[in-house]
Amino acid sequence: AWEQTSMGIPARVLGAKASLYTEKPFEGKACLLMENNMML
């Protein structure tokens, strides 16, 4: 249901990824983890 976007449109950003994270979510069994490893 979640889409990577930028400025309101679909996008793919270099060095960025998202996944489900199951260690110590706020509630339940998982949360969203966004990882940025960009060449700035």
Full PDB file with SEQRES, HELIX, SHEET, SSBOND, CRYST1, ORIGX, SCALE, CONECT and MASTER records, all heavy atoms in Angstrom:
SEQRES   1 A   40  ALA TRP GLU GLN THR SER MET GLY ILE PRO ALA ARG VAL          
SEQRES   2 A   40  LEU GLY ALA LYS ALA SER LEU TYR THR GLU LYS PRO PHE          
SEQRES   3 A   40  GLU GLY LYS ALA CYS LEU LEU MET GLU ASN ASN MET MET          
SEQRES   4 A   40  LEU                                                          
SHEET    1 AA1 2 ALA A  16  TYR A  21  0                                        
SHEET    2 AA1 2 CYS A  31  ASN A  36 -1                                        
CRYST1    1.000    1.000    1.000  90.00  90.00  90.00 P 1           1          
ORIGX1      1.000000  0.000000  0.000000        0.00000                         
ORIGX2      0.000000  1.000000  0.000000        0.00000                         
ORIGX3      0.000000  0.000000  1.000000        0.00000                         
SCALE1      1.000000  0.000000  0.000000        0.00000                         
SCALE2      0.000000  1.000000  0.000000        0.00000                         
SCALE3      0.000000  0.000000  1.000000        0.00000                         
ATOM      1  N   ALA A   1       0.812  -1.214   0.000  1.00  0.00           N  
ATOM      2  CA  ALA A   1       0.000   0.000   0.000  1.00  0.00           C  
ATOM      3  C   ALA A   1       0.850   1.272   0.000  1.00  0.00           C  
ATOM      4  O   ALA A   1       0.347   2.361  -0.291  1.00  0.00           O  
ATOM      5  CB  ALA A   1      -0.931   0.016   1.209  1.00  0.00           C  
ATOM      6  N   TRP A   2       2.124   1.137   0.296  1.00  0.00           N  
ATOM      7  CA  TRP A   2       3.023   2.282   0.412  1.00  0.00           C  
ATOM      8  C   TRP A   2       3.884   2.406  -0.846  1.00  0.00           C  
ATOM      9  O   TRP A   2       4.380   1.423  -1.359  1.00  0.00           O  
ATOM     10  CB  TRP A   2       3.900   2.148   1.663  1.00  0.00           C  
ATOM     11  CG  TRP A   2       3.082   2.176   2.903  1.00  0.00           C  
ATOM     12  CD1 TRP A   2       2.498   1.109   3.540  1.00  0.00           C  
ATOM     13  CD2 TRP A   2       2.696   3.339   3.635  1.00  0.00           C  
ATOM     14  NE1 TRP A   2       1.785   1.536   4.624  1.00  0.00           N  
ATOM     15  CE2 TRP A   2       1.883   2.904   4.715  1.00  0.00           C  
ATOM     16  CE3 TRP A   2       2.967   4.703   3.498  1.00  0.00           C  
ATOM     17  CZ2 TRP A   2       1.334   3.787   5.640  1.00  0.00           C  
ATOM     18  CZ3 TRP A   2       2.425   5.588   4.420  1.00  0.00           C  
ATOM     19  CH2 TRP A   2       1.624   5.129   5.477  1.00  0.00           C  
ATOM     20  N   GLU A   3       4.046   3.630  -1.303  1.00  0.00           N  
ATOM     21  CA  GLU A   3       4.733   3.899  -2.568  1.00  0.00           C  
ATOM     22  C   GLU A   3       5.873   4.885  -2.340  1.00  0.00           C  
ATOM     23  O   GLU A   3       5.707   5.874  -1.619  1.00  0.00           O  
ATOM     24  CB  GLU A   3       3.725   4.497  -3.552  1.00  0.00           C  
ATOM     25  CG  GLU A   3       4.275   4.808  -4.918  1.00  0.00           C  
ATOM     26  CD  GLU A   3       3.209   5.387  -5.839  1.00  0.00           C  
ATOM     27  OE1 GLU A   3       2.299   6.084  -5.335  1.00  0.00           O  
ATOM     28  OE2 GLU A   3       3.287   5.150  -7.052  1.00  0.00           O  
ATOM     29  N   GLN A   4       7.012   4.601  -2.949  1.00  0.00           N  
ATOM     30  CA  GLN A   4       8.100   5.573  -2.885  1.00  0.00           C  
ATOM     31  C   GLN A   4       7.775   6.725  -3.832  1.00  0.00           C  
ATOM     32  O   GLN A   4       7.487   6.519  -5.006  1.00  0.00           O  
ATOM     33  CB  GLN A   4       9.433   4.942  -3.255  1.00  0.00           C  
ATOM     34  CG  GLN A   4      10.613   5.886  -3.003  1.00  0.00           C  
ATOM     35  CD  GLN A   4      11.962   5.266  -3.304  1.00  0.00           C  
ATOM     36  OE1 GLN A   4      12.039   4.253  -3.974  1.00  0.00           O  
ATOM     37  NE2 GLN A   4      13.015   5.873  -2.812  1.00  0.00           N  
ATOM     38  N   THR A   5       7.808   7.943  -3.289  1.00  0.00           N  
ATOM     39  CA  THR A   5       7.443   9.124  -4.063  1.00  0.00           C  
ATOM     40  C   THR A   5       8.442  10.253  -3.806  1.00  0.00           C  
ATOM     41  O   THR A   5       9.247  10.196  -2.874  1.00  0.00           O  
ATOM     42  CB  THR A   5       6.029   9.624  -3.696  1.00  0.00           C  
ATOM     43  OG1 THR A   5       5.984   9.943  -2.290  1.00  0.00           O  
ATOM     44  CG2 THR A   5       4.972   8.580  -4.010  1.00  0.00           C  
ATOM     45  N   SER A   6       8.333  11.277  -4.634  1.00  0.00           N  
ATOM     46  CA  SER A   6       9.103  12.505  -4.437  1.00  0.00           C  
ATOM     47  C   SER A   6       8.314  13.644  -5.056  1.00  0.00           C  
ATOM     48  O   SER A   6       7.908  13.559  -6.215  1.00  0.00           O  
ATOM     49  CB  SER A   6      10.483  12.396  -5.086  1.00  0.00           C  
ATOM     50  OG  SER A   6      11.224  13.594  -4.892  1.00  0.00           O  
ATOM     51  N   MET A   7       8.053  14.671  -4.293  1.00  0.00           N  
ATOM     52  CA  MET A   7       7.300  15.830  -4.758  1.00  0.00           C  
ATOM     53  C   MET A   7       5.910  15.454  -5.270  1.00  0.00           C  
ATOM     54  O   MET A   7       5.363  16.096  -6.164  1.00  0.00           O  
ATOM     55  CB  MET A   7       8.066  16.573  -5.853  1.00  0.00           C  
ATOM     56  CG  MET A   7       9.461  16.994  -5.458  1.00  0.00           C  
ATOM     57  SD  MET A   7       9.457  18.168  -4.070  1.00  0.00           S  
ATOM     58  CE  MET A   7      11.230  18.414  -3.835  1.00  0.00           C  
ATOM     59  N   GLY A   8       5.348  14.366  -4.719  1.00  0.00           N  
ATOM     60  CA  GLY A   8       3.978  14.001  -5.051  1.00  0.00           C  
ATOM     61  C   GLY A   8       3.802  13.007  -6.176  1.00  0.00           C  
ATOM     62  O   GLY A   8       2.668  12.658  -6.513  1.00  0.00           O  
ATOM     63  N   ILE A   9       4.902  12.512  -6.757  1.00  0.00           N  
ATOM     64  CA  ILE A   9       4.802  11.540  -7.848  1.00  0.00           C  
ATOM     65  C   ILE A   9       5.688  10.337  -7.545  1.00  0.00           C  
ATOM     66  O   ILE A   9       6.616  10.432  -6.741  1.00  0.00           O  
ATOM     67  CB  ILE A   9       5.197  12.163  -9.203  1.00  0.00           C  
ATOM     68  CG1 ILE A   9       6.650  12.652  -9.179  1.00  0.00           C  
ATOM     69  CG2 ILE A   9       4.236  13.295  -9.584  1.00  0.00           C  
ATOM     70  CD1 ILE A   9       7.167  13.095 -10.535  1.00  0.00           C  
ATOM     71  N   PRO A  10       5.427   9.198  -8.192  1.00  0.00           N  
ATOM     72  CA  PRO A  10       6.272   8.016  -7.969  1.00  0.00           C  
ATOM     73  C   PRO A  10       7.738   8.309  -8.279  1.00  0.00           C  
ATOM     74  O   PRO A  10       8.061   9.047  -9.212  1.00  0.00           O  
ATOM     75  CB  PRO A  10       5.697   6.987  -8.949  1.00  0.00           C  
ATOM     76  CG  PRO A  10       4.277   7.405  -9.131  1.00  0.00           C  
ATOM     77  CD  PRO A  10       4.292   8.904  -9.077  1.00  0.00           C  
ATOM     78  N   ALA A  11       8.633   7.741  -7.480  1.00  0.00           N  
ATOM     79  CA  ALA A  11      10.061   8.010  -7.638  1.00  0.00           C  
ATOM     80  C   ALA A  11      10.866   6.826  -7.133  1.00  0.00           C  
ATOM     81  O   ALA A  11      10.366   5.982  -6.383  1.00  0.00           O  
ATOM     82  CB  ALA A  11      10.448   9.272  -6.878  1.00  0.00           C  
ATOM     83  N   ARG A  12      12.133   6.784  -7.558  1.00  0.00           N  
ATOM     84  CA  ARG A  12      13.116   5.864  -6.992  1.00  0.00           C  
ATOM     85  C   ARG A  12      14.365   6.672  -6.690  1.00  0.00           C  
ATOM     86  O   ARG A  12      14.922   7.323  -7.584  1.00  0.00           O  
ATOM     87  CB  ARG A  12      13.435   4.730  -7.968  1.00  0.00           C  
ATOM     88  CG  ARG A  12      12.275   3.763  -8.204  1.00  0.00           C  
ATOM     89  CD  ARG A  12      12.746   2.508  -8.939  1.00  0.00           C  
ATOM     90  NE  ARG A  12      13.355   2.827 -10.220  1.00  0.00           N  
ATOM     91  CZ  ARG A  12      14.305   2.105 -10.802  1.00  0.00           C  
ATOM     92  NH1 ARG A  12      14.809   1.042 -10.181  1.00  0.00           N  
ATOM     93  NH2 ARG A  12      14.793   2.451 -11.984  1.00  0.00           N  
ATOM     94  N   VAL A  13      14.778   6.648  -5.437  1.00  0.00           N  
ATOM     95  CA  VAL A  13      15.897   7.480  -4.994  1.00  0.00           C  
ATOM     96  C   VAL A  13      17.134   6.618  -4.772  1.00  0.00           C  
ATOM     97  O   VAL A  13      17.067   5.582  -4.098  1.00  0.00           O  
ATOM     98  CB  VAL A  13      15.527   8.240  -3.706  1.00  0.00           C  
ATOM     99  CG1 VAL A  13      16.734   8.990  -3.151  1.00  0.00           C  
ATOM    100  CG2 VAL A  13      14.383   9.206  -3.975  1.00  0.00           C  
ATOM    101  N   LEU A  14      18.235   7.042  -5.318  1.00  0.00           N  
ATOM    102  CA  LEU A  14      19.501   6.337  -5.149  1.00  0.00           C  
ATOM    103  C   LEU A  14      19.886   6.254  -3.674  1.00  0.00           C  
ATOM    104  O   LEU A  14      19.870   7.262  -2.961  1.00  0.00           O  
ATOM    105  CB  LEU A  14      20.607   7.063  -5.916  1.00  0.00           C  
ATOM    106  CG  LEU A  14      20.635   6.873  -7.441  1.00  0.00           C  
ATOM    107  CD1 LEU A  14      21.557   7.914  -8.069  1.00  0.00           C  
ATOM    108  CD2 LEU A  14      21.102   5.471  -7.793  1.00  0.00           C  
ATOM    109  N   GLY A  15      20.200   5.055  -3.212  1.00  0.00           N  
ATOM    110  CA  GLY A  15      20.648   4.877  -1.839  1.00  0.00           C  
ATOM    111  C   GLY A  15      19.541   4.811  -0.813  1.00  0.00           C  
ATOM    112  O   GLY A  15      19.819   4.798   0.385  1.00  0.00           O  
ATOM    113  N   ALA A  16      18.278   4.757  -1.257  1.00  0.00           N  
ATOM    114  CA  ALA A  16      17.153   4.713  -0.312  1.00  0.00           C  
ATOM    115  C   ALA A  16      16.384   3.413  -0.471  1.00  0.00           C  
ATOM    116  O   ALA A  16      16.158   2.952  -1.593  1.00  0.00           O  
ATOM    117  CB  ALA A  16      16.227   5.894  -0.547  1.00  0.00           C  
ATOM    118  N   LYS A  17      15.993   2.827   0.651  1.00  0.00           N  
ATOM    119  CA  LYS A  17      15.180   1.618   0.606  1.00  0.00           C  
ATOM    120  C   LYS A  17      14.265   1.565   1.822  1.00  0.00           C  
ATOM    121  O   LYS A  17      14.505   2.251   2.827  1.00  0.00           O  
ATOM    122  CB  LYS A  17      16.054   0.370   0.546  1.00  0.00           C  
ATOM    123  CG  LYS A  17      16.920   0.147   1.770  1.00  0.00           C  
ATOM    124  CD  LYS A  17      17.765  -1.127   1.625  1.00  0.00           C  
ATOM    125  CE  LYS A  17      18.620  -1.382   2.867  1.00  0.00           C  
ATOM    126  NZ  LYS A  17      19.417  -2.631   2.731  1.00  0.00           N  
ATOM    127  N   ALA A  18      13.220   0.768   1.702  1.00  0.00           N  
ATOM    128  CA  ALA A  18      12.267   0.613   2.809  1.00  0.00           C  
ATOM    129  C   ALA A  18      11.990  -0.863   3.015  1.00  0.00           C  
ATOM    130  O   ALA A  18      11.997  -1.659   2.064  1.00  0.00           O  
ATOM    131  CB  ALA A  18      10.978   1.360   2.517  1.00  0.00           C  
ATOM    132  N   SER A  19      11.730  -1.225   4.263  1.00  0.00           N  
ATOM    133  CA  SER A  19      11.435  -2.618   4.590  1.00  0.00           C  
ATOM    134  C   SER A  19      10.626  -2.671   5.873  1.00  0.00           C  
ATOM    135  O   SER A  19      10.490  -1.662   6.588  1.00  0.00           O  
ATOM    136  CB  SER A  19      12.737  -3.414   4.755  1.00  0.00           C  
ATOM    137  OG  SER A  19      13.521  -2.877   5.816  1.00  0.00           O  
ATOM    138  N   LEU A  20      10.102  -3.848   6.168  1.00  0.00           N  
ATOM    139  CA  LEU A  20       9.452  -4.074   7.448  1.00  0.00           C  
ATOM    140  C   LEU A  20      10.517  -4.404   8.489  1.00  0.00           C  
ATOM    141  O   LEU A  20      11.447  -5.166   8.218  1.00  0.00           O  
ATOM    142  CB  LEU A  20       8.444  -5.217   7.349  1.00  0.00           C  
ATOM    143  CG  LEU A  20       7.207  -4.962   6.494  1.00  0.00           C  
ATOM    144  CD1 LEU A  20       6.382  -6.237   6.388  1.00  0.00           C  
ATOM    145  CD2 LEU A  20       6.369  -3.824   7.081  1.00  0.00           C  
ATOM    146  N   TYR A  21      10.370  -3.836   9.674  1.00  0.00           N  
ATOM    147  CA  TYR A  21      11.335  -4.045  10.754  1.00  0.00           C  
ATOM    148  C   TYR A  21      10.587  -4.630  11.943  1.00  0.00           C  
ATOM    149  O   TYR A  21       9.583  -4.058  12.397  1.00  0.00           O  
ATOM    150  CB  TYR A  21      11.980  -2.711  11.125  1.00  0.00           C  
ATOM    151  CG  TYR A  21      13.138  -2.824  12.077  1.00  0.00           C  
ATOM    152  CD1 TYR A  21      14.366  -3.335  11.668  1.00  0.00           C  
ATOM    153  CD2 TYR A  21      13.014  -2.398  13.401  1.00  0.00           C  
ATOM    154  CE1 TYR A  21      15.437  -3.418  12.540  1.00  0.00           C  
ATOM    155  CE2 TYR A  21      14.079  -2.479  14.280  1.00  0.00           C  
ATOM    156  CZ  TYR A  21      15.289  -2.997  13.842  1.00  0.00           C  
ATOM    157  OH  TYR A  21      16.344  -3.078  14.711  1.00  0.00           O  
ATOM    158  N   THR A  22      11.062  -5.763  12.430  1.00  0.00           N  
ATOM    159  CA  THR A  22      10.314  -6.496  13.447  1.00  0.00           C  
ATOM    160  C   THR A  22      10.905  -6.406  14.852  1.00  0.00           C  
ATOM    161  O   THR A  22      10.355  -6.993  15.783  1.00  0.00           O  
ATOM    162  CB  THR A  22      10.202  -7.981  13.047  1.00  0.00           C  
ATOM    163  OG1 THR A  22      11.520  -8.518  12.859  1.00  0.00           O  
ATOM    164  CG2 THR A  22       9.408  -8.141  11.753  1.00  0.00           C  
ATOM    165  N   GLU A  23      12.008  -5.675  15.003  1.00  0.00           N  
ATOM    166  CA  GLU A  23      12.607  -5.531  16.329  1.00  0.00           C  
ATOM    167  C   GLU A  23      12.118  -4.240  16.987  1.00  0.00           C  
ATOM    168  O   GLU A  23      12.403  -3.149  16.505  1.00  0.00           O  
ATOM    169  CB  GLU A  23      14.133  -5.527  16.227  1.00  0.00           C  
ATOM    170  CG  GLU A  23      14.726  -6.843  15.745  1.00  0.00           C  
ATOM    171  CD  GLU A  23      16.243  -6.814  15.734  1.00  0.00           C  
ATOM    172  OE1 GLU A  23      16.815  -6.028  16.519  1.00  0.00           O  
ATOM    173  OE2 GLU A  23      16.849  -7.554  14.941  1.00  0.00           O  
ATOM    174  N   LYS A  24      11.383  -4.374  18.055  1.00  0.00           N  
ATOM    175  CA  LYS A  24      10.896  -3.248  18.842  1.00  0.00           C  
ATOM    176  C   LYS A  24      10.093  -2.232  18.029  1.00  0.00           C  
ATOM    177  O   LYS A  24      10.412  -1.032  17.991  1.00  0.00           O  
ATOM    178  CB  LYS A  24      12.061  -2.532  19.545  1.00  0.00           C  
ATOM    179  CG  LYS A  24      12.807  -3.416  20.529  1.00  0.00           C  
ATOM    180  CD  LYS A  24      13.923  -2.660  21.224  1.00  0.00           C  
ATOM    181  CE  LYS A  24      14.656  -3.549  22.219  1.00  0.00           C  
ATOM    182  NZ  LYS A  24      15.772  -2.839  22.888  1.00  0.00           N  
ATOM    183  N   PRO A  25       9.018  -2.682  17.342  1.00  0.00           N  
ATOM    184  CA  PRO A  25       8.120  -1.715  16.718  1.00  0.00           C  
ATOM    185  C   PRO A  25       7.367  -0.935  17.785  1.00  0.00           C  
ATOM    186  O   PRO A  25       7.383  -1.309  18.970  1.00  0.00           O  
ATOM    187  CB  PRO A  25       7.174  -2.595  15.902  1.00  0.00           C  
ATOM    188  CG  PRO A  25       7.170  -3.902  16.625  1.00  0.00           C  
ATOM    189  CD  PRO A  25       8.560  -4.070  17.168  1.00  0.00           C  
ATOM    190  N   PHE A  26       6.688   0.119  17.396  1.00  0.00           N  
ATOM    191  CA  PHE A  26       5.924   0.893  18.376  1.00  0.00           C  
ATOM    192  C   PHE A  26       4.785   0.054  18.941  1.00  0.00           C  
ATOM    193  O   PHE A  26       4.545   0.031  20.151  1.00  0.00           O  
ATOM    194  CB  PHE A  26       5.367   2.159  17.717  1.00  0.00           C  
ATOM    195  CG  PHE A  26       4.539   3.005  18.648  1.00  0.00           C  
ATOM    196  CD1 PHE A  26       5.151   3.767  19.638  1.00  0.00           C  
ATOM    197  CD2 PHE A  26       3.156   3.050  18.536  1.00  0.00           C  
ATOM    198  CE1 PHE A  26       4.393   4.551  20.501  1.00  0.00           C  
ATOM    199  CE2 PHE A  26       2.393   3.833  19.394  1.00  0.00           C  
ATOM    200  CZ  PHE A  26       3.018   4.584  20.381  1.00  0.00           C  
ATOM    201  N   GLU A  27       4.077  -0.625  18.043  1.00  0.00           N  
ATOM    202  CA  GLU A  27       3.015  -1.560  18.437  1.00  0.00           C  
ATOM    203  C   GLU A  27       3.017  -2.733  17.476  1.00  0.00           C  
ATOM    204  O   GLU A  27       3.524  -2.647  16.356  1.00  0.00           O  
ATOM    205  CB  GLU A  27       1.644  -0.871  18.405  1.00  0.00           C  
ATOM    206  CG  GLU A  27       1.389   0.083  19.543  1.00  0.00           C  
ATOM    207  CD  GLU A  27      -0.052   0.586  19.567  1.00  0.00           C  
ATOM    208  OE1 GLU A  27      -0.791   0.353  18.597  1.00  0.00           O  
ATOM    209  OE2 GLU A  27      -0.410   1.211  20.570  1.00  0.00           O  
ATOM    210  N   GLY A  28       2.447  -3.836  17.909  1.00  0.00           N  
ATOM    211  CA  GLY A  28       2.311  -4.984  17.027  1.00  0.00           C  
ATOM    212  C   GLY A  28       3.624  -5.692  16.765  1.00  0.00           C  
ATOM    213  O   GLY A  28       4.541  -5.695  17.593  1.00  0.00           O  
ATOM    214  N   LYS A  29       3.739  -6.258  15.545  1.00  0.00           N  
ATOM    215  CA  LYS A  29       4.885  -7.102  15.216  1.00  0.00           C  
ATOM    216  C   LYS A  29       5.891  -6.441  14.278  1.00  0.00           C  
ATOM    217  O   LYS A  29       6.998  -6.956  14.118  1.00  0.00           O  
ATOM    218  CB  LYS A  29       4.387  -8.396  14.582  1.00  0.00           C  
ATOM    219  CG  LYS A  29       3.521  -9.253  15.517  1.00  0.00           C  
ATOM    220  CD  LYS A  29       3.059 -10.523  14.808  1.00  0.00           C  
ATOM    221  CE  LYS A  29       2.188 -11.369  15.730  1.00  0.00           C  
ATOM    222  NZ  LYS A  29       1.715 -12.606  15.043  1.00  0.00           N  
ATOM    223  N   ALA A  30       5.510  -5.317  13.626  1.00  0.00           N  
ATOM    224  CA  ALA A  30       6.422  -4.729  12.640  1.00  0.00           C  
ATOM    225  C   ALA A  30       6.154  -3.233  12.490  1.00  0.00           C  
ATOM    226  O   ALA A  30       5.079  -2.728  12.828  1.00  0.00           O  
ATOM    227  CB  ALA A  30       6.277  -5.423  11.286  1.00  0.00           C  
ATOM    228  N   CYS A  31       7.159  -2.550  11.966  1.00  0.00           N  
ATOM    229  CA  CYS A  31       7.029  -1.137  11.632  1.00  0.00           C  
ATOM    230  C   CYS A  31       7.727  -0.905  10.296  1.00  0.00           C  
ATOM    231  O   CYS A  31       8.353  -1.807   9.734  1.00  0.00           O  
ATOM    232  CB  CYS A  31       7.620  -0.239  12.723  1.00  0.00           C  
ATOM    233  SG  CYS A  31       9.410  -0.423  12.945  1.00  0.00           S  
ATOM    234  N   LEU A  32       7.622   0.298   9.782  1.00  0.00           N  
ATOM    235  CA  LEU A  32       8.316   0.679   8.553  1.00  0.00           C  
ATOM    236  C   LEU A  32       9.705   1.198   8.886  1.00  0.00           C  
ATOM    237  O   LEU A  32       9.858   2.081   9.727  1.00  0.00           O  
ATOM    238  CB  LEU A  32       7.519   1.765   7.829  1.00  0.00           C  
ATOM    239  CG  LEU A  32       8.214   2.459   6.638  1.00  0.00           C  
ATOM    240  CD1 LEU A  32       8.473   1.470   5.520  1.00  0.00           C  
ATOM    241  CD2 LEU A  32       7.392   3.645   6.147  1.00  0.00           C  
ATOM    242  N   LEU A  33      10.709   0.645   8.216  1.00  0.00           N  
ATOM    243  CA  LEU A  33      12.079   1.129   8.344  1.00  0.00           C  
ATOM    244  C   LEU A  33      12.504   1.719   7.004  1.00  0.00           C  
ATOM    245  O   LEU A  33      12.504   1.023   5.989  1.00  0.00           O  
ATOM    246  CB  LEU A  33      13.029  -0.003   8.740  1.00  0.00           C  
ATOM    247  CG  LEU A  33      14.534   0.286   8.601  1.00  0.00           C  
ATOM    248  CD1 LEU A  33      14.962   1.472   9.460  1.00  0.00           C  
ATOM    249  CD2 LEU A  33      15.347  -0.967   8.946  1.00  0.00           C  
ATOM    250  N   MET A  34      12.863   2.991   7.010  1.00  0.00           N  
ATOM    251  CA  MET A  34      13.411   3.657   5.844  1.00  0.00           C  
ATOM    252  C   MET A  34      14.902   3.865   6.082  1.00  0.00           C  
ATOM    253  O   MET A  34      15.288   4.458   7.087  1.00  0.00           O  
ATOM    254  CB  MET A  34      12.711   4.995   5.594  1.00  0.00           C  
ATOM    255  CG  MET A  34      11.240   4.838   5.244  1.00  0.00           C  
ATOM    256  SD  MET A  34      10.286   6.380   5.353  1.00  0.00           S  
ATOM    257  CE  MET A  34      11.303   7.493   4.403  1.00  0.00           C  
ATOM    258  N   GLU A  35      15.719   3.370   5.163  1.00  0.00           N  
ATOM    259  CA  GLU A  35      17.174   3.490   5.288  1.00  0.00           C  
ATOM    260  C   GLU A  35      17.720   4.334   4.138  1.00  0.00           C  
ATOM    261  O   GLU A  35      17.511   4.013   2.975  1.00  0.00           O  
ATOM    262  CB  GLU A  35      17.822   2.109   5.263  1.00  0.00           C  
ATOM    263  CG  GLU A  35      17.426   1.211   6.430  1.00  0.00           C  
ATOM    264  CD  GLU A  35      18.092  -0.138   6.367  1.00  0.00           C  
ATOM    265  OE1 GLU A  35      19.277  -0.234   6.744  1.00  0.00           O  
ATOM    266  OE2 GLU A  35      17.438  -1.106   5.923  1.00  0.00           O  
ATOM    267  N   ASN A  36      18.417   5.389   4.493  1.00  0.00           N  
ATOM    268  CA  ASN A  36      19.065   6.253   3.505  1.00  0.00           C  
ATOM    269  C   ASN A  36      20.579   6.104   3.604  1.00  0.00           C  
ATOM    270  O   ASN A  36      21.156   6.315   4.671  1.00  0.00           O  
ATOM    271  CB  ASN A  36      18.690   7.722   3.743  1.00  0.00           C  
ATOM    272  CG  ASN A  36      17.247   8.026   3.411  1.00  0.00           C  
ATOM    273  OD1 ASN A  36      16.528   7.173   2.884  1.00  0.00           O  
ATOM    274  ND2 ASN A  36      16.805   9.235   3.715  1.00  0.00           N  
ATOM    275  N   ASN A  37      21.176   5.746   2.504  1.00  0.00           N  
ATOM    276  CA  ASN A  37      22.632   5.661   2.403  1.00  0.00           C  
ATOM    277  C   ASN A  37      23.032   6.390   1.119  1.00  0.00           C  
ATOM    278  O   ASN A  37      23.421   5.772   0.127  1.00  0.00           O  
ATOM    279  CB  ASN A  37      23.095   4.208   2.388  1.00  0.00           C  
ATOM    280  CG  ASN A  37      24.608   4.084   2.416  1.00  0.00           C  
ATOM    281  OD1 ASN A  37      25.310   4.999   2.848  1.00  0.00           O  
ATOM    282  ND2 ASN A  37      25.117   2.973   1.929  1.00  0.00           N  
ATOM    283  N   MET A  38      22.875   7.697   1.152  1.00  0.00           N  
ATOM    284  CA  MET A  38      23.008   8.510  -0.054  1.00  0.00           C  
ATOM    285  C   MET A  38      24.401   9.107  -0.173  1.00  0.00           C  
ATOM    286  O   MET A  38      25.070   9.384   0.834  1.00  0.00           O  
ATOM    287  CB  MET A  38      21.979   9.649  -0.023  1.00  0.00           C  
ATOM    288  CG  MET A  38      20.541   9.166   0.092  1.00  0.00           C  
ATOM    289  SD  MET A  38      19.417  10.519   0.504  1.00  0.00           S  
ATOM    290  CE  MET A  38      17.845   9.669   0.481  1.00  0.00           C  
ATOM    291  N   MET A  39      24.830   9.319  -1.398  1.00  0.00           N  
ATOM    292  CA  MET A  39      26.093  10.005  -1.666  1.00  0.00           C  
ATOM    293  C   MET A  39      25.799  11.506  -1.679  1.00  0.00           C  
ATOM    294  O   MET A  39      25.346  12.053  -2.695  1.00  0.00           O  
ATOM    295  CB  MET A  39      26.662   9.552  -3.006  1.00  0.00           C  
ATOM    296  CG  MET A  39      26.997   8.069  -3.049  1.00  0.00           C  
ATOM    297  SD  MET A  39      28.326   7.604  -1.894  1.00  0.00           S  
ATOM    298  CE  MET A  39      29.719   8.426  -2.660  1.00  0.00           C  
ATOM    299  N   LEU A  40      26.003  12.151  -0.556  1.00  0.00           N  
ATOM    300  CA  LEU A  40      25.665  13.561  -0.413  1.00  0.00           C  
ATOM    301  C   LEU A  40      26.839  14.439  -0.747  1.00  0.00           C  
ATOM    302  O   LEU A  40      27.982  14.137  -0.400  1.00  0.00           O  
ATOM    303  CB  LEU A  40      25.179  13.844   1.015  1.00  0.00           C  
ATOM    304  CG  LEU A  40      23.966  13.020   1.484  1.00  0.00           C  
ATOM    305  CD1 LEU A  40      23.674  13.322   2.943  1.00  0.00           C  
ATOM    306  CD2 LEU A  40      22.737  13.310   0.631  1.00  0.00           C  
TER     307      LEU A  40                                                      
MASTER        0    0    0    0    2    0    0    6  306    1    0    4          
END                                                                             
